Amino acid sequence: VGLHFLAVIGSVLLPILIIGLVSIVAYTHLLSRMGFGEVLAGLGLGALPVLGTALVQEGTLGPAAIAVSIPAFLMTFNLLLLNEFPDEAADRKGGRRNLVLLLGRRGAARLWALAVLLVPISIVASVTEGSLPPLALVACAPTLLTLSGLRWAFRHPDARVPIPALAGNVAWNLATNAVLAGMLALSILLG
């Protein structure tokens, strides 16, 4: 499929395809053991699909595509990061070098919280600068689903991640992406 779109869209799609391919092929045996797993997951499953879709549909990377790729990256990065906490012992034993192991639980929890907060900040900044329509601000509301996780990250990062925090993280990812896409579509329809 990638080769088809490369032929249709042109070489502008090549960097996205190469980074995506490297992310997929090298993740388990190389990138997750070098401390790049979360970043490459954020790119390969978050930002790059958004940017690639924009290129396929519009033939260019406009400000809206770049603006939407930022929360997509941050949320996918965070989805993996928070889910690594319960696997800390197994990851250590298996030779992985993820951010929980590299930064410690407290540092990784604070990084997770920072990325959570950067999602609505990036949306507000994109609306303020005109890259996204004002209705996109509604996509900040699902951040409330991370409150359990934020409490854990700031108060008890050495404790087990509460199940509501893990569930809220997944729901936040899905809801924010769905609401943001819906608000963009509605903005186009309202013209």
Protein backbone atom coordinates (compact mmCIF):
# COMPACT_ATOMS: atom_id res chain seq x y z
CA VAL A 1 0.00 0.00 0.00
CA GLY A 2 2.85 2.33 0.88
CA LEU A 3 4.49 1.74 -2.50
CA HIS A 4 1.21 2.58 -4.26
CA PHE A 5 0.89 5.87 -2.39
CA LEU A 6 4.58 6.61 -2.97
CA ALA A 7 3.99 6.22 -6.71
CA VAL A 8 0.86 8.40 -6.60
CA ILE A 9 1.98 11.09 -4.12
CA GLY A 10 5.71 11.14 -4.85
CA SER A 11 8.92 11.24 -2.87
CA VAL A 12 7.51 13.68 -0.29
CA LEU A 13 5.94 10.60 1.34
CA LEU A 14 9.26 8.69 1.48
CA PRO A 15 10.52 10.01 4.86
CA ILE A 16 7.23 9.07 6.53
CA LEU A 17 7.34 5.57 5.03
CA ILE A 18 10.99 5.04 5.99
CA ILE A 19 10.56 6.22 9.60
CA GLY A 20 7.39 4.13 9.89
CA LEU A 21 9.13 1.06 8.52
CA VAL A 22 12.10 1.46 10.86
CA SER A 23 9.71 1.98 13.78
CA ILE A 24 7.90 -1.26 13.03
CA VAL A 25 10.80 -3.51 12.03
CA ALA A 26 13.35 -2.38 14.62
CA TYR A 27 11.08 -1.76 17.62
CA THR A 28 11.21 -5.06 19.50
CA HIS A 29 14.81 -6.10 18.96
CA LEU A 30 16.55 -2.75 18.82
CA LEU A 31 14.65 0.45 19.60
CA SER A 32 12.97 -0.78 22.81
CA ARG A 33 16.43 -1.74 24.08
CA MET A 34 17.94 1.67 23.29
CA GLY A 35 15.48 3.99 25.02
CA PHE A 36 13.73 5.10 21.83
CA GLY A 37 10.66 2.86 21.98
CA GLU A 38 8.18 5.41 23.27
CA VAL A 39 9.31 8.13 20.86
CA LEU A 40 9.18 5.81 17.87
CA ALA A 41 5.75 4.52 18.93
CA GLY A 42 4.57 8.13 19.18
CA LEU A 43 5.87 8.79 15.70
CA GLY A 44 4.97 5.50 14.03
CA LEU A 45 1.49 5.10 15.50
CA GLY A 46 0.65 8.74 16.27
CA ALA A 47 2.18 11.57 14.27
CA LEU A 48 3.20 9.79 11.06
CA PRO A 49 -0.25 8.32 10.26
CA VAL A 50 -1.73 11.80 10.64
CA LEU A 51 0.93 13.37 8.43
CA GLY A 52 0.77 10.55 5.88
CA THR A 53 -3.02 10.80 5.68
CA ALA A 54 -2.76 14.54 5.07
CA LEU A 55 -0.24 13.98 2.29
CA VAL A 56 -2.41 11.33 0.67
CA GLN A 57 -5.57 13.42 0.90
CA GLU A 58 -4.20 16.90 0.22
CA GLY A 59 -0.78 16.34 -1.33
CA THR A 60 0.80 18.69 1.21
CA LEU A 61 1.38 19.10 4.92
CA GLY A 62 -0.69 22.06 5.96
CA PRO A 63 -0.70 23.72 9.38
CA ALA A 64 -3.76 21.73 10.53
CA ALA A 65 -2.08 18.38 9.80
CA ILE A 66 1.02 19.39 11.71
CA ALA A 67 -1.08 20.75 14.58
CA VAL A 68 -3.10 17.52 14.85
CA SER A 69 0.02 15.35 14.63
CA ILE A 70 1.37 16.84 17.88
CA PRO A 71 -1.37 15.57 20.23
CA ALA A 72 -1.45 12.29 18.25
CA PHE A 73 2.27 11.86 18.96
CA LEU A 74 1.98 12.82 22.64
CA MET A 75 -0.99 10.57 23.35
CA THR A 76 0.52 7.51 21.64
CA PHE A 77 3.86 8.14 23.40
CA ASN A 78 1.95 8.33 26.68
CA LEU A 79 -0.16 5.26 26.01
CA LEU A 80 2.98 3.16 25.78
CA LEU A 81 4.77 4.96 28.62
CA LEU A 82 2.06 4.46 31.23
CA ASN A 83 1.57 0.83 30.20
CA GLU A 84 5.27 0.16 30.81
CA PHE A 85 4.98 0.78 34.56
CA PRO A 86 3.22 -2.55 35.32
CA ASP A 87 5.83 -4.33 33.16
CA GLU A 88 8.86 -2.75 34.86
CA ALA A 89 10.31 -5.95 36.36
CA ALA A 90 9.74 -8.02 33.20
CA ASP A 91 11.21 -5.28 31.00
CA ARG A 92 14.28 -5.03 33.22
CA LYS A 93 14.74 -8.81 33.12
CA GLY A 94 14.19 -8.86 29.34
CA GLY A 95 16.88 -6.26 28.67
CA ARG A 96 14.63 -3.43 27.56
CA ARG A 97 15.68 0.15 28.16
CA ASN A 98 12.43 2.07 28.23
CA LEU A 99 11.85 5.42 29.90
CA VAL A 100 10.53 3.88 33.12
CA LEU A 101 13.84 2.06 33.53
CA LEU A 102 16.01 4.94 32.28
CA LEU A 103 14.34 7.77 34.23
CA GLY A 104 13.04 5.80 37.21
CA ARG A 105 9.39 5.65 38.19
CA ARG A 106 9.21 9.22 39.50
CA GLY A 107 10.92 10.76 36.46
CA ALA A 108 8.89 8.69 33.99
CA ALA A 109 5.64 9.48 35.83
CA ARG A 110 6.40 13.20 35.67
CA LEU A 111 7.24 12.92 31.98
CA TRP A 112 3.91 11.15 31.42
CA ALA A 113 2.10 13.95 33.29
CA LEU A 114 3.93 16.61 31.28
CA ALA A 115 2.92 14.96 28.01
CA VAL A 116 -0.71 14.76 29.23
CA LEU A 117 -0.72 18.49 29.94
CA LEU A 118 0.99 19.31 26.63
CA VAL A 119 -1.92 17.81 24.66
CA PRO A 120 -4.51 20.47 25.58
CA ILE A 121 -1.79 23.13 25.54
CA SER A 122 -0.89 22.16 21.96
CA ILE A 123 -4.55 22.25 20.93
CA VAL A 124 -5.11 25.67 22.52
CA ALA A 125 -1.91 27.00 20.94
CA SER A 126 -2.93 25.68 17.51
CA VAL A 127 -6.36 27.30 17.80
CA THR A 128 -4.78 30.55 19.01
CA GLU A 129 -2.39 30.68 16.07
CA GLY A 130 -5.13 29.76 13.59
CA SER A 131 -3.92 26.29 12.58
CA LEU A 132 -7.06 24.67 14.03
CA PRO A 133 -10.63 25.98 14.17
CA PRO A 134 -12.07 27.14 17.51
CA LEU A 135 -14.29 24.03 17.76
CA ALA A 136 -11.09 22.00 18.20
CA LEU A 137 -10.95 23.31 21.77
CA VAL A 138 -13.68 20.79 22.65
CA ALA A 139 -10.98 18.11 22.24
CA CYS A 140 -9.34 19.40 25.44
CA ALA A 141 -12.25 18.09 27.54
CA PRO A 142 -11.23 14.39 27.47
CA THR A 143 -8.06 15.34 29.35
CA LEU A 144 -10.28 15.13 32.45
CA LEU A 145 -10.11 11.35 31.96
CA THR A 146 -6.46 11.49 33.06
CA LEU A 147 -7.13 12.92 36.54
CA SER A 148 -6.61 9.56 38.28
CA GLY A 149 -3.31 9.13 36.46
CA LEU A 150 -2.18 12.67 37.21
CA ARG A 151 -2.93 12.20 40.93
CA TRP A 152 -0.89 8.99 40.87
CA ALA A 153 2.00 10.59 38.93
CA PHE A 154 2.38 13.50 41.35
CA ARG A 155 1.52 11.79 44.64
CA HIS A 156 2.46 8.09 44.46
CA PRO A 157 4.55 7.24 41.38
CA ASP A 158 6.35 4.48 43.31
CA ALA A 159 3.04 2.68 43.89
CA ARG A 160 1.27 0.51 41.34
CA VAL A 161 -0.48 2.46 38.61
CA PRO A 162 -4.19 2.40 39.54
CA ILE A 163 -6.41 0.54 37.09
CA PRO A 164 -8.61 3.66 36.66
CA ALA A 165 -5.47 5.57 35.60
CA LEU A 166 -4.62 2.95 32.98
CA ALA A 167 -8.22 2.85 31.75
CA GLY A 168 -8.45 6.65 31.75
CA ASN A 169 -5.27 6.87 29.69
CA VAL A 170 -6.74 4.62 26.99
CA ALA A 171 -10.11 6.41 27.07
CA TRP A 172 -8.33 9.79 26.87
CA ASN A 173 -6.43 8.68 23.79
CA LEU A 174 -9.50 7.40 22.00
CA ALA A 175 -11.81 10.22 23.06
CA THR A 176 -9.39 13.05 22.28
CA ASN A 177 -8.67 11.72 18.80
CA ALA A 178 -12.36 11.10 18.09
CA VAL A 179 -13.49 14.48 19.42
CA LEU A 180 -10.72 16.32 17.58
CA ALA A 181 -11.58 14.56 14.30
CA GLY A 182 -15.28 15.24 14.87
CA MET A 183 -14.74 18.92 15.60
CA LEU A 184 -12.56 19.31 12.52
CA ALA A 185 -15.24 17.66 10.37
CA LEU A 186 -17.96 19.79 11.96
CA SER A 187 -15.92 22.94 11.36
CA ILE A 188 -15.64 22.05 7.69
CA LEU A 189 -19.36 21.35 7.44
CA LEU A 190 -20.23 24.63 9.15
CA GLY A 191 -17.86 26.31 6.74
